[in-house]
Amino acid sequence: MIGQKKATRRHLLAAAACLAAGTLGLAGPALAQTAFPSKPITFVVPYPAGGANDMLGRLIGQKMGEALGAMTLVENKPGAAALLGAAAVARAPADGHTLLVGGLATHAASPHLLKADYDPLKDFEPVGLIGSAPIVAITFNESSFKTLKDVVDAAKKDPRGVMYGSSGNGSPLHLAGELFVSLAQVEMTHVPYKGGNAHILDLIGGRVPVIFDTATNAMPLIKSGKVRPLAVSTPARLADLPSTPTFAEAGYPQFEFSAWYALFAPAKTPKDVVAKLSASLSTALKQPEVVGRLNNVGVTVSTGESAPLARFVPVEYERIGRLIKTANIRAD
């Protein structure tokens, strides 16, 4: 009887030891997982330093870093119509520490124009939409064009005689111009420039009469009195431009076009990490300083939530693709 009790006790102790070992074995890897973020977060901006995208990336990166308690870095990686920087993020480790400040070019336009080393619909996790900037039709101060109707009337009288400039073939400015030409049923001559500010300098100098520019680029020019706005692609007039009609008021309610900015992580980034990133983006976008700075350059701030961006990107990719195909747009 005593021997049986000792044997039973030994069995119980052995079973308890095995159970403890198993429990520790299961807990070990879980405890070994490092909490996010565990190192600096890099925000890749696929454009040169100094532009609107760079400003936006640095501002959002700083505020998200504060919300997450992490260091943040901005890496400018321009090239191939923003495809170079986007491809680098698509290939980065899917741990949430490398993010893309993307948008219209990286996820809707450029993949239709050039060979992309990534799939915009499959190789990224949407973190959240930052905001959007409307298109503003602008002309030089001494221009005879006082309204959008003046532009259309001139184009009807002299097909292809009226020029509009852009920062390059397939740029948001070019796409907006082609959309307007198709809606107005006129012919205008597109004058593409090789990026930079050459198209703006030629507009100011009167060498090109019209540009369909993004508000991020146009608003500083308008506020400084260097150019004159003709119409803006917002549902209602902008508070900063109360005398400038919307495209709808000017007779083109179907002109719906805007540049948009969003944050993406590499595909297969853990859902909980994406959720933390999205929450920190939402927190950043609620700060008055951020809202003020973005509004100042014509950006309407979004919520930063991931679900709306996930729904939006496929629709925008198809819409811009159709426009590029219909207008027979080719890359530089």
C-alpha atoms as a PDB file:
ATOM      1  CA  MET A   1       0.000   0.000   0.000  1.00  0.00           C
ATOM      2  CA  ILE A   2       2.788   2.380   0.939  1.00  0.00           C
ATOM      3  CA  GLY A   3       4.694   1.419  -2.226  1.00  0.00           C
ATOM      4  CA  GLN A   4       1.623   2.130  -4.321  1.00  0.00           C
ATOM      5  CA  LYS A   5       1.230   5.550  -2.723  1.00  0.00           C
ATOM      6  CA  LYS A   6       4.889   6.388  -3.424  1.00  0.00           C
ATOM      7  CA  ALA A   7       4.500   5.253  -7.022  1.00  0.00           C
ATOM      8  CA  THR A   8       1.334   7.302  -7.429  1.00  0.00           C
ATOM      9  CA  ARG A   9       3.051  10.340  -5.966  1.00  0.00           C
ATOM     10  CA  ARG A  10       6.009   9.913  -8.317  1.00  0.00           C
ATOM     11  CA  HIS A  11       3.615   9.667 -11.277  1.00  0.00           C
ATOM     12  CA  LEU A  12       1.777  12.816 -10.203  1.00  0.00           C
ATOM     13  CA  LEU A  13       5.026  14.755  -9.795  1.00  0.00           C
ATOM     14  CA  ALA A  14       6.246  13.562 -13.175  1.00  0.00           C
ATOM     15  CA  ALA A  15       2.964  14.527 -14.830  1.00  0.00           C
ATOM     16  CA  ALA A  16       3.094  17.948 -13.170  1.00  0.00           C
ATOM     17  CA  ALA A  17       6.662  18.423 -14.373  1.00  0.00           C
ATOM     18  CA  CYS A  18       5.693  17.498 -17.938  1.00  0.00           C
ATOM     19  CA  LEU A  19       2.723  19.846 -17.808  1.00  0.00           C
ATOM     20  CA  ALA A  20       4.905  22.671 -16.523  1.00  0.00           C
ATOM     21  CA  ALA A  21       7.506  22.020 -19.189  1.00  0.00           C
ATOM     22  CA  GLY A  22       4.834  22.008 -21.865  1.00  0.00           C
ATOM     23  CA  THR A  23       3.345  25.213 -20.534  1.00  0.00           C
ATOM     24  CA  LEU A  24       6.752  26.893 -20.480  1.00  0.00           C
ATOM     25  CA  GLY A  25       7.436  25.601 -23.952  1.00  0.00           C
ATOM     26  CA  LEU A  26       4.289  27.201 -25.238  1.00  0.00           C
ATOM     27  CA  ALA A  27       4.821  30.406 -23.328  1.00  0.00           C
ATOM     28  CA  GLY A  28       8.475  30.735 -24.272  1.00  0.00           C
ATOM     29  CA  PRO A  29       8.029  31.855 -27.906  1.00  0.00           C
ATOM     30  CA  ALA A  30       5.093  34.079 -26.974  1.00  0.00           C
ATOM     31  CA  LEU A  31       7.131  35.780 -24.287  1.00  0.00           C
ATOM     32  CA  ALA A  32      10.069  36.029 -26.671  1.00  0.00           C
ATOM     33  CA  GLN A  33       8.056  38.022 -29.236  1.00  0.00           C
ATOM     34  CA  THR A  34       9.149  41.652 -29.275  1.00  0.00           C
ATOM     35  CA  ALA A  35       6.487  44.290 -28.831  1.00  0.00           C
ATOM     36  CA  PHE A  36       5.942  46.686 -31.745  1.00  0.00           C
ATOM     37  CA  PRO A  37       7.649  49.021 -32.401  1.00  0.00           C
ATOM     38  CA  SER A  38      11.044  47.610 -31.513  1.00  0.00           C
ATOM     39  CA  LYS A  39      13.197  49.947 -33.659  1.00  0.00           C
ATOM     40  CA  PRO A  40      12.863  53.201 -35.631  1.00  0.00           C
ATOM     41  CA  ILE A  41      10.066  53.326 -38.220  1.00  0.00           C
ATOM     42  CA  THR A  42      11.131  54.439 -41.696  1.00  0.00           C
ATOM     43  CA  PHE A  43       8.688  56.416 -43.826  1.00  0.00           C
ATOM     44  CA  VAL A  44       9.644  56.075 -47.486  1.00  0.00           C
ATOM     45  CA  VAL A  45       8.667  59.088 -49.591  1.00  0.00           C
ATOM     46  CA  PRO A  46       8.962  58.185 -53.302  1.00  0.00           C
ATOM     47  CA  TYR A  47       9.709  61.809 -54.239  1.00  0.00           C
ATOM     48  CA  PRO A  48      12.638  64.223 -53.754  1.00  0.00           C
ATOM     49  CA  ALA A  49      12.994  66.189 -50.545  1.00  0.00           C
ATOM     50  CA  GLY A  50      11.323  69.568 -50.301  1.00  0.00           C
ATOM     51  CA  GLY A  51       7.991  68.917 -52.011  1.00  0.00           C
ATOM     52  CA  ALA A  52       4.469  68.509 -50.665  1.00  0.00           C
ATOM     53  CA  ASN A  53       4.803  64.723 -50.329  1.00  0.00           C
ATOM     54  CA  ASP A  54       8.036  65.134 -48.372  1.00  0.00           C
ATOM     55  CA  MET A  55       6.479  67.692 -46.014  1.00  0.00           C
ATOM     56  CA  LEU A  56       3.497  65.441 -45.472  1.00  0.00           C
ATOM     57  CA  GLY A  57       5.650  62.375 -44.786  1.00  0.00           C
ATOM     58  CA  ARG A  58       7.823  64.203 -42.263  1.00  0.00           C
ATOM     59  CA  LEU A  59       4.870  65.747 -40.443  1.00  0.00           C
ATOM     60  CA  ILE A  60       2.874  62.511 -40.235  1.00  0.00           C
ATOM     61  CA  GLY A  61       5.963  60.478 -39.388  1.00  0.00           C
ATOM     62  CA  GLN A  62       6.863  62.739 -36.480  1.00  0.00           C
ATOM     63  CA  LYS A  63       3.350  62.721 -35.020  1.00  0.00           C
ATOM     64  CA  MET A  64       2.893  58.962 -35.418  1.00  0.00           C
ATOM     65  CA  GLY A  65       6.248  58.405 -33.761  1.00  0.00           C
ATOM     66  CA  GLU A  66       5.117  60.468 -30.799  1.00  0.00           C
ATOM     67  CA  ALA A  67       1.905  58.443 -30.541  1.00  0.00           C
ATOM     68  CA  LEU A  68       3.767  55.127 -30.747  1.00  0.00           C
ATOM     69  CA  GLY A  69       6.713  56.167 -28.584  1.00  0.00           C
ATOM     70  CA  ALA A  70       9.123  55.387 -31.404  1.00  0.00           C
ATOM     71  CA  MET A  71      11.844  57.103 -33.378  1.00  0.00           C
ATOM     72  CA  THR A  72      10.937  57.791 -37.009  1.00  0.00           C
ATOM     73  CA  LEU A  73      13.041  58.392 -40.106  1.00  0.00           C
ATOM     74  CA  VAL A  74      12.134  59.716 -43.540  1.00  0.00           C
ATOM     75  CA  GLU A  75      13.862  58.232 -46.577  1.00  0.00           C
ATOM     76  CA  ASN A  76      13.402  60.006 -49.909  1.00  0.00           C
ATOM     77  CA  LYS A  77      13.529  57.447 -52.690  1.00  0.00           C
ATOM     78  CA  PRO A  78      12.437  59.132 -55.945  1.00  0.00           C
ATOM     79  CA  GLY A  79      12.524  57.603 -59.404  1.00  0.00           C
ATOM     80  CA  ALA A  80      10.441  55.859 -62.069  1.00  0.00           C
ATOM     81  CA  ALA A  81       7.330  57.966 -61.441  1.00  0.00           C
ATOM     82  CA  ALA A  82       7.306  56.994 -57.725  1.00  0.00           C
ATOM     83  CA  LEU A  83       7.584  53.266 -58.508  1.00  0.00           C
ATOM     84  CA  LEU A  84      11.120  52.946 -57.131  1.00  0.00           C
ATOM     85  CA  GLY A  85      10.228  53.890 -53.569  1.00  0.00           C
ATOM     86  CA  ALA A  86       7.028  51.877 -53.623  1.00  0.00           C
ATOM     87  CA  ALA A  87       8.862  48.757 -54.823  1.00  0.00           C
ATOM     88  CA  ALA A  88      11.412  49.127 -52.022  1.00  0.00           C
ATOM     89  CA  VAL A  89       8.639  49.079 -49.407  1.00  0.00           C
ATOM     90  CA  ALA A  90       6.880  46.143 -51.073  1.00  0.00           C
ATOM     91  CA  ARG A  91      10.116  44.140 -50.654  1.00  0.00           C
ATOM     92  CA  ALA A  92      10.809  45.304 -47.082  1.00  0.00           C
ATOM     93  CA  PRO A  93      10.312  43.011 -44.056  1.00  0.00           C
ATOM     94  CA  ALA A  94       6.622  42.798 -43.154  1.00  0.00           C
ATOM     95  CA  ASP A  95       7.104  43.938 -39.571  1.00  0.00           C
ATOM     96  CA  GLY A  96       5.603  47.434 -39.716  1.00  0.00           C
ATOM     97  CA  HIS A  97       8.926  49.260 -39.446  1.00  0.00           C
ATOM     98  CA  THR A  98       9.007  50.331 -43.108  1.00  0.00           C
ATOM     99  CA  LEU A  99       6.048  52.301 -44.486  1.00  0.00           C
ATOM    100  CA  LEU A 100       5.225  53.948 -47.802  1.00  0.00           C
ATOM    101  CA  VAL A 101       3.826  57.458 -48.114  1.00  0.00           C
ATOM    102  CA  GLY A 102       1.959  56.581 -51.299  1.00  0.00           C
ATOM    103  CA  GLY A 103      -1.064  57.700 -53.231  1.00  0.00           C
ATOM    104  CA  LEU A 104      -2.401  58.343 -56.699  1.00  0.00           C
ATOM    105  CA  ALA A 105       0.906  57.724 -58.489  1.00  0.00           C
ATOM    106  CA  THR A 106       2.062  54.613 -56.607  1.00  0.00           C
ATOM    107  CA  HIS A 107      -1.282  52.811 -56.460  1.00  0.00           C
ATOM    108  CA  ALA A 108      -3.358  54.047 -59.406  1.00  0.00           C
ATOM    109  CA  ALA A 109      -1.444  55.790 -62.201  1.00  0.00           C
ATOM    110  CA  SER A 110       2.208  54.753 -62.526  1.00  0.00           C
ATOM    111  CA  PRO A 111       1.610  50.956 -62.526  1.00  0.00           C
ATOM    112  CA  HIS A 112      -0.539  51.463 -65.656  1.00  0.00           C
ATOM    113  CA  LEU A 113       2.188  53.485 -67.388  1.00  0.00           C
ATOM    114  CA  LEU A 114       5.433  51.714 -66.496  1.00  0.00           C
ATOM    115  CA  LYS A 115       6.476  48.207 -65.527  1.00  0.00           C
ATOM    116  CA  ALA A 116       6.121  48.068 -61.765  1.00  0.00           C
ATOM    117  CA  ASP A 117       8.085  45.599 -59.654  1.00  0.00           C
ATOM    118  CA  TYR A 118       5.074  45.187 -57.392  1.00  0.00           C
ATOM    119  CA  ASP A 119       1.340  44.618 -57.497  1.00  0.00           C
ATOM    120  CA  PRO A 120      -0.419  47.685 -56.029  1.00  0.00           C
ATOM    121  CA  LEU A 121      -3.411  45.589 -54.978  1.00  0.00           C
ATOM    122  CA  LYS A 122      -1.615  42.581 -53.493  1.00  0.00           C
ATOM    123  CA  ASP A 123       1.792  43.662 -52.200  1.00  0.00           C
ATOM    124  CA  PHE A 124       0.690  46.150 -49.536  1.00  0.00           C
ATOM    125  CA  GLU A 125      -1.410  46.374 -46.396  1.00  0.00           C
ATOM    126  CA  PRO A 126      -3.445  49.607 -46.297  1.00  0.00           C
ATOM    127  CA  VAL A 127      -2.706  51.518 -43.099  1.00  0.00           C
ATOM    128  CA  GLY A 128      -4.904  54.523 -43.720  1.00  0.00           C
ATOM    129  CA  LEU A 129      -5.844  57.435 -45.958  1.00  0.00           C
ATOM    130  CA  ILE A 130      -4.131  60.661 -44.898  1.00  0.00           C
ATOM    131  CA  GLY A 131      -6.102  63.080 -47.045  1.00  0.00           C
ATOM    132  CA  SER A 132      -6.804  64.410 -50.515  1.00  0.00           C
ATOM    133  CA  ALA A 133      -6.092  67.588 -52.433  1.00  0.00           C
ATOM    134  CA  PRO A 134      -8.430  68.911 -55.134  1.00  0.00           C
ATOM    135  CA  ILE A 135      -7.382  70.044 -58.586  1.00  0.00           C
ATOM    136  CA  VAL A 136      -7.253  73.781 -59.246  1.00  0.00           C
ATOM    137  CA  ALA A 137      -7.260  75.144 -62.804  1.00  0.00           C
ATOM    138  CA  ILE A 138      -4.811  78.059 -62.769  1.00  0.00           C
ATOM    139  CA  THR A 139      -3.613  80.640 -65.299  1.00  0.00           C
ATOM    140  CA  PHE A 140      -1.080  83.465 -65.276  1.00  0.00           C
ATOM    141  CA  ASN A 141      -2.090  86.862 -63.962  1.00  0.00           C
ATOM    142  CA  GLU A 142      -2.098  88.680 -67.325  1.00  0.00           C
ATOM    143  CA  SER A 143      -4.031  85.891 -69.074  1.00  0.00           C
ATOM    144  CA  SER A 144      -7.130  86.732 -71.091  1.00  0.00           C
ATOM    145  CA  PHE A 145      -8.789  83.684 -69.500  1.00  0.00           C
ATOM    146  CA  LYS A 146     -10.967  84.966 -66.668  1.00  0.00           C
ATOM    147  CA  THR A 147     -13.156  81.866 -66.392  1.00  0.00           C
ATOM    148  CA  LEU A 148     -13.061  78.188 -67.303  1.00  0.00           C
ATOM    149  CA  LYS A 149     -15.574  78.977 -70.048  1.00  0.00           C
ATOM    150  CA  ASP A 150     -13.008  81.291 -71.633  1.00  0.00           C
ATOM    151  CA  VAL A 151     -10.584  78.371 -71.865  1.00  0.00           C
ATOM    152  CA  VAL A 152     -13.196  76.101 -73.448  1.00  0.00           C
ATOM    153  CA  ASP A 153     -14.343  78.787 -75.928  1.00  0.00           C
ATOM    154  CA  ALA A 154     -10.746  79.418 -77.011  1.00  0.00           C
ATOM    155  CA  ALA A 155     -10.147  75.681 -77.465  1.00  0.00           C
ATOM    156  CA  LYS A 156     -13.280  75.373 -79.598  1.00  0.00           C
ATOM    157  CA  LYS A 157     -12.197  78.257 -81.828  1.00  0.00           C
ATOM    158  CA  ASP A 158      -8.662  76.932 -82.205  1.00  0.00           C
ATOM    159  CA  PRO A 159      -8.512  73.150 -81.684  1.00  0.00           C
ATOM    160  CA  ARG A 160      -5.207  72.183 -80.058  1.00  0.00           C
ATOM    161  CA  GLY A 161      -4.198  75.847 -80.077  1.00  0.00           C
ATOM    162  CA  VAL A 162      -4.676  76.153 -76.311  1.00  0.00           C
ATOM    163  CA  MET A 163      -1.908  74.512 -74.312  1.00  0.00           C
ATOM    164  CA  TYR A 164      -1.955  73.127 -70.808  1.00  0.00           C
ATOM    165  CA  GLY A 165       1.198  72.190 -68.942  1.00  0.00           C
ATOM    166  CA  SER A 166       1.997  69.385 -66.531  1.00  0.00           C
ATOM    167  CA  SER A 167       4.914  67.964 -64.583  1.00  0.00           C
ATOM    168  CA  GLY A 168       5.112  65.005 -66.986  1.00  0.00           C
ATOM    169  CA  ASN A 169       3.187  62.374 -68.912  1.00  0.00           C
ATOM    170  CA  GLY A 170       0.918  60.411 -66.582  1.00  0.00           C
ATOM    171  CA  SER A 171       1.308  62.896 -63.714  1.00  0.00           C
ATOM    172  CA  PRO A 172      -1.817  63.888 -61.754  1.00  0.00           C
ATOM    173  CA  LEU A 173      -1.742  67.213 -63.619  1.00  0.00           C
ATOM    174  CA  HIS A 174      -1.768  65.434 -66.967  1.00  0.00           C
ATOM    175  CA  LEU A 175      -4.525  63.032 -65.931  1.00  0.00           C
ATOM    176  CA  ALA A 176      -6.668  65.895 -64.653  1.00  0.00           C
ATOM    177  CA  GLY A 177      -6.149  67.792 -67.887  1.00  0.00           C
ATOM    178  CA  GLU A 178      -7.141  64.820 -70.029  1.00  0.00           C
ATOM    179  CA  LEU A 179     -10.235  64.227 -67.926  1.00  0.00           C
ATOM    180  CA  PHE A 180     -11.294  67.851 -68.376  1.00  0.00           C
ATOM    181  CA  VAL A 181     -10.620  67.796 -72.138  1.00  0.00           C
ATOM    182  CA  SER A 182     -12.798  64.720 -72.503  1.00  0.00           C
ATOM    183  CA  LEU A 183     -15.651  66.178 -70.434  1.00  0.00           C
ATOM    184  CA  ALA A 184     -15.505  69.548 -72.206  1.00  0.00           C
ATOM    185  CA  GLN A 185     -15.282  67.768 -75.581  1.00  0.00           C
ATOM    186  CA  VAL A 186     -12.495  69.998 -76.813  1.00  0.00           C
ATOM    187  CA  GLU A 187      -8.924  69.508 -77.978  1.00  0.00           C
ATOM    188  CA  MET A 188      -6.036  71.066 -76.104  1.00  0.00           C
ATOM    189  CA  THR A 189      -2.301  70.539 -76.481  1.00  0.00           C
ATOM    190  CA  HIS A 190      -0.602  68.881 -73.552  1.00  0.00           C
ATOM    191  CA  VAL A 191       2.898  70.203 -72.801  1.00  0.00           C
ATOM    192  CA  PRO A 192       4.729  67.784 -70.472  1.00  0.00           C
ATOM    193  CA  TYR A 193       7.737  68.947 -68.460  1.00  0.00           C
ATOM    194  CA  LYS A 194      10.366  66.771 -66.831  1.00  0.00           C
ATOM    195  CA  GLY A 195       9.254  67.338 -63.253  1.00  0.00           C
ATOM    196  CA  GLY A 196      10.558  70.131 -61.063  1.00  0.00           C
ATOM    197  CA  ASN A 197       9.002  73.592 -61.313  1.00  0.00           C
ATOM    198  CA  ALA A 198       9.632  74.349 -64.999  1.00  0.00           C
ATOM    199  CA  HIS A 199       5.934  74.078 -65.861  1.00  0.00           C
ATOM    200  CA  ILE A 200       5.063  76.559 -63.106  1.00  0.00           C
ATOM    201  CA  LEU A 201       7.744  79.016 -64.218  1.00  0.00           C
ATOM    202  CA  ASP A 202       6.443  78.857 -67.784  1.00  0.00           C
ATOM    203  CA  LEU A 203       2.882  79.412 -66.554  1.00  0.00           C
ATOM    204  CA  ILE A 204       3.892  82.446 -64.511  1.00  0.00           C
ATOM    205  CA  GLY A 205       5.799  83.750 -67.527  1.00  0.00           C
ATOM    206  CA  GLY A 206       2.803  83.277 -69.806  1.00  0.00           C
ATOM    207  CA  ARG A 207       4.494  80.716 -72.028  1.00  0.00           C
ATOM    208  CA  VAL A 208       1.846  78.113 -71.182  1.00  0.00           C
ATOM    209  CA  PRO A 209      -1.650  79.434 -70.397  1.00  0.00           C
ATOM    210  CA  VAL A 210      -3.274  76.786 -68.191  1.00  0.00           C
ATOM    211  CA  ILE A 211      -2.326  74.111 -65.665  1.00  0.00           C
ATOM    212  CA  PHE A 212      -4.669  71.715 -63.859  1.00  0.00           C
ATOM    213  CA  ASP A 213      -2.609  71.586 -60.679  1.00  0.00           C
ATOM    214  CA  THR A 214      -3.042  69.960 -57.293  1.00  0.00           C
ATOM    215  CA  ALA A 215      -4.055  72.274 -54.456  1.00  0.00           C
ATOM    216  CA  THR A 216      -0.863  71.351 -52.578  1.00  0.00           C
ATOM    217  CA  ASN A 217       1.146  73.009 -55.353  1.00  0.00           C
ATOM    218  CA  ALA A 218      -1.354  75.657 -56.422  1.00  0.00           C
ATOM    219  CA  MET A 219      -2.405  77.175 -53.087  1.00  0.00           C
ATOM    220  CA  PRO A 220       0.983  78.715 -52.170  1.00  0.00           C
ATOM    221  CA  LEU A 221       1.173  80.218 -55.683  1.00  0.00           C
ATOM    222  CA  ILE A 222      -2.353  81.594 -55.459  1.00  0.00           C
ATOM    223  CA  LYS A 223      -1.875  82.999 -51.948  1.00  0.00           C
ATOM    224  CA  SER A 224       1.340  84.729 -53.001  1.00  0.00           C
ATOM    225  CA  GLY A 225      -0.430  86.305 -55.985  1.00  0.00           C
ATOM    226  CA  LYS A 226       1.714  84.576 -58.617  1.00  0.00           C
ATOM    227  CA  VAL A 227      -1.162  82.862 -60.472  1.00  0.00           C
ATOM    228  CA  ARG A 228      -4.932  83.214 -60.823  1.00  0.00           C
ATOM    229  CA  PRO A 229      -7.359  80.360 -60.067  1.00  0.00           C
ATOM    230  CA  LEU A 230     -10.203  79.566 -62.475  1.00  0.00           C
ATOM    231  CA  ALA A 231     -11.960  76.602 -60.819  1.00  0.00           C
ATOM    232  CA  VAL A 232     -11.505  74.056 -58.042  1.00  0.00           C
ATOM    233  CA  SER A 233     -12.615  70.409 -57.951  1.00  0.00           C
ATOM    234  CA  THR A 234     -14.334  70.467 -54.565  1.00  0.00           C
ATOM    235  CA  PRO A 235     -18.063  69.946 -53.873  1.00  0.00           C
ATOM    236  CA  ALA A 236     -18.246  73.468 -52.411  1.00  0.00           C
ATOM    237  CA  ARG A 237     -16.074  76.536 -52.746  1.00  0.00           C
ATOM    238  CA  LEU A 238     -12.935  76.602 -50.647  1.00  0.00           C
ATOM    239  CA  ALA A 239     -12.927  78.980 -47.692  1.00  0.00           C
ATOM    240  CA  ASP A 240      -9.532  80.284 -48.819  1.00  0.00           C
ATOM    241  CA  LEU A 241     -10.836  80.868 -52.370  1.00  0.00           C
ATOM    242  CA  PRO A 242     -14.390  82.165 -51.885  1.00  0.00           C
ATOM    243  CA  SER A 243     -14.527  83.869 -55.293  1.00  0.00           C
ATOM    244  CA  THR A 244     -13.287  80.820 -57.214  1.00  0.00           C
ATOM    245  CA  PRO A 245     -16.112  78.629 -58.547  1.00  0.00           C
ATOM    246  CA  THR A 246     -16.111  74.846 -58.399  1.00  0.00           C
ATOM    247  CA  PHE A 247     -15.865  72.852 -61.628  1.00  0.00           C
ATOM    248  CA  ALA A 248     -19.535  71.943 -61.077  1.00  0.00           C
ATOM    249  CA  GLU A 249     -20.503  75.606 -60.882  1.00  0.00           C
ATOM    250  CA  ALA A 250     -18.485  76.209 -64.046  1.00  0.00           C
ATOM    251  CA  GLY A 251     -20.576  73.595 -65.863  1.00  0.00           C
ATOM    252  CA  TYR A 252     -18.600  70.387 -65.273  1.00  0.00           C
ATOM    253  CA  PRO A 253     -20.161  68.492 -62.342  1.00  0.00           C
ATOM    254  CA  GLN A 254     -18.614  65.210 -63.549  1.00  0.00           C
ATOM    255  CA  PHE A 255     -15.090  66.499 -63.075  1.00  0.00           C
ATOM    256  CA  GLU A 256     -14.160  64.482 -59.991  1.00  0.00           C
ATOM    257  CA  PHE A 257     -10.437  64.324 -59.542  1.00  0.00           C
ATOM    258  CA  SER A 258      -8.035  64.813 -56.668  1.00  0.00           C
ATOM    259  CA  ALA A 259      -4.564  63.852 -55.584  1.00  0.00           C
ATOM    260  CA  TRP A 260      -4.649  61.624 -52.520  1.00  0.00           C
ATOM    261  CA  TYR A 261      -2.108  60.557 -49.944  1.00  0.00           C
ATOM    262  CA  ALA A 262      -2.065  57.352 -47.915  1.00  0.00           C
ATOM    263  CA  LEU A 263       0.119  55.118 -45.789  1.00  0.00           C
ATOM    264  CA  PHE A 264       0.915  51.522 -46.746  1.00  0.00           C
ATOM    265  CA  ALA A 265       2.848  48.666 -45.113  1.00  0.00           C
ATOM    266  CA  PRO A 266       4.272  45.595 -46.873  1.00  0.00           C
ATOM    267  CA  ALA A 267       1.820  42.738 -47.462  1.00  0.00           C
ATOM    268  CA  LYS A 268       1.525  40.190 -44.639  1.00  0.00           C
ATOM    269  CA  THR A 269       2.361  42.722 -41.950  1.00  0.00           C
ATOM    270  CA  PRO A 270       0.620  41.352 -38.808  1.00  0.00           C
ATOM    271  CA  LYS A 271      -2.906  42.666 -38.357  1.00  0.00           C
ATOM    272  CA  ASP A 272      -2.237  43.865 -34.829  1.00  0.00           C
ATOM    273  CA  VAL A 273       0.741  45.894 -36.062  1.00  0.00           C
ATOM    274  CA  VAL A 274      -1.326  47.434 -38.861  1.00  0.00           C
ATOM    275  CA  ALA A 275      -4.005  48.262 -36.290  1.00  0.00           C
ATOM    276  CA  LYS A 276      -1.450  50.054 -34.086  1.00  0.00           C
ATOM    277  CA  LEU A 277      -0.124  52.002 -37.067  1.00  0.00           C
ATOM    278  CA  SER A 278      -3.619  52.952 -38.177  1.00  0.00           C
ATOM    279  CA  ALA A 279      -4.567  54.062 -34.668  1.00  0.00           C
ATOM    280  CA  SER A 280      -1.465  56.246 -34.406  1.00  0.00           C
ATOM    281  CA  LEU A 281      -2.203  57.756 -37.843  1.00  0.00           C
ATOM    282  CA  SER A 282      -5.757  58.554 -36.742  1.00  0.00           C
ATOM    283  CA  THR A 283      -4.381  60.170 -33.593  1.00  0.00           C
ATOM    284  CA  ALA A 284      -1.961  62.280 -35.635  1.00  0.00           C
ATOM    285  CA  LEU A 285      -4.682  63.423 -38.030  1.00  0.00           C
ATOM    286  CA  LYS A 286      -6.817  64.716 -35.153  1.00  0.00           C
ATOM    287  CA  GLN A 287      -4.149  67.114 -33.916  1.00  0.00           C
ATOM    288  CA  PRO A 288      -4.929  70.785 -34.670  1.00  0.00           C
ATOM    289  CA  GLU A 289      -1.330  71.422 -35.766  1.00  0.00           C
ATOM    290  CA  VAL A 290      -1.524  68.656 -38.369  1.00  0.00           C
ATOM    291  CA  VAL A 291      -4.982  69.658 -39.595  1.00  0.00           C
ATOM    292  CA  GLY A 292      -3.892  73.294 -39.860  1.00  0.00           C
ATOM    293  CA  ARG A 293      -0.713  72.569 -41.811  1.00  0.00           C
ATOM    294  CA  LEU A 294      -2.438  70.208 -44.232  1.00  0.00           C
ATOM    295  CA  ASN A 295      -5.412  72.502 -44.760  1.00  0.00           C
ATOM    296  CA  ASN A 296      -2.989  75.334 -45.442  1.00  0.00           C
ATOM    297  CA  VAL A 297      -1.766  73.503 -48.543  1.00  0.00           C
ATOM    298  CA  GLY A 298      -5.242  72.480 -49.655  1.00  0.00           C
ATOM    299  CA  VAL A 299      -5.331  68.960 -48.212  1.00  0.00           C
ATOM    300  CA  THR A 300      -8.629  67.766 -46.741  1.00  0.00           C
ATOM    301  CA  VAL A 301      -7.707  65.514 -43.813  1.00  0.00           C
ATOM    302  CA  SER A 302      -9.093  61.967 -43.686  1.00  0.00           C
ATOM    303  CA  THR A 303      -9.654  59.671 -40.702  1.00  0.00           C
ATOM    304  CA  GLY A 304      -6.564  57.490 -41.100  1.00  0.00           C
ATOM    305  CA  GLU A 305      -8.612  54.286 -40.871  1.00  0.00           C
ATOM    306  CA  SER A 306      -7.472  51.278 -42.898  1.00  0.00           C
ATOM    307  CA  ALA A 307     -10.844  49.861 -44.049  1.00  0.00           C
ATOM    308  CA  PRO A 308     -11.894  52.852 -46.210  1.00  0.00           C
ATOM    309  CA  LEU A 309      -8.479  52.843 -47.909  1.00  0.00           C
ATOM    310  CA  ALA A 310      -8.763  49.105 -48.603  1.00  0.00           C
ATOM    311  CA  ARG A 311     -12.079  49.720 -50.374  1.00  0.00           C
ATOM    312  CA  PHE A 312     -10.905  52.827 -52.201  1.00  0.00           C
ATOM    313  CA  VAL A 313      -7.648  51.647 -53.814  1.00  0.00           C
ATOM    314  CA  PRO A 314      -9.077  48.947 -56.155  1.00  0.00           C
ATOM    315  CA  VAL A 315     -11.794  51.323 -57.387  1.00  0.00           C
ATOM    316  CA  GLU A 316      -9.312  54.152 -57.994  1.00  0.00           C
ATOM    317  CA  TYR A 317      -6.851  51.787 -59.690  1.00  0.00           C
ATOM    318  CA  GLU A 318      -9.516  50.718 -62.193  1.00  0.00           C
ATOM    319  CA  ARG A 319     -10.841  54.263 -62.738  1.00  0.00           C
ATOM    320  CA  ILE A 320      -7.435  55.791 -63.442  1.00  0.00           C
ATOM    321  CA  GLY A 321      -6.528  52.819 -65.617  1.00  0.00           C
ATOM    322  CA  ARG A 322      -9.576  53.442 -67.798  1.00  0.00           C
ATOM    323  CA  LEU A 323      -8.711  57.129 -68.117  1.00  0.00           C
ATOM    324  CA  ILE A 324      -5.132  56.328 -69.153  1.00  0.00           C
ATOM    325  CA  LYS A 325      -6.307  53.814 -71.726  1.00  0.00           C
ATOM    326  CA  THR A 326      -9.073  56.040 -73.147  1.00  0.00           C
ATOM    327  CA  ALA A 327      -6.780  59.073 -73.445  1.00  0.00           C
ATOM    328  CA  ASN A 328      -3.974  56.875 -74.842  1.00  0.00           C
ATOM    329  CA  ILE A 329      -1.521  58.288 -72.302  1.00  0.00           C
ATOM    330  CA  ARG A 330       2.041  57.066 -72.559  1.00  0.00           C
ATOM    331  CA  ALA A 331       4.913  57.434 -70.107  1.00  0.00           C
ATOM    332  CA  ASP A 332       7.802  59.809 -70.869  1.00  0.00           C
END
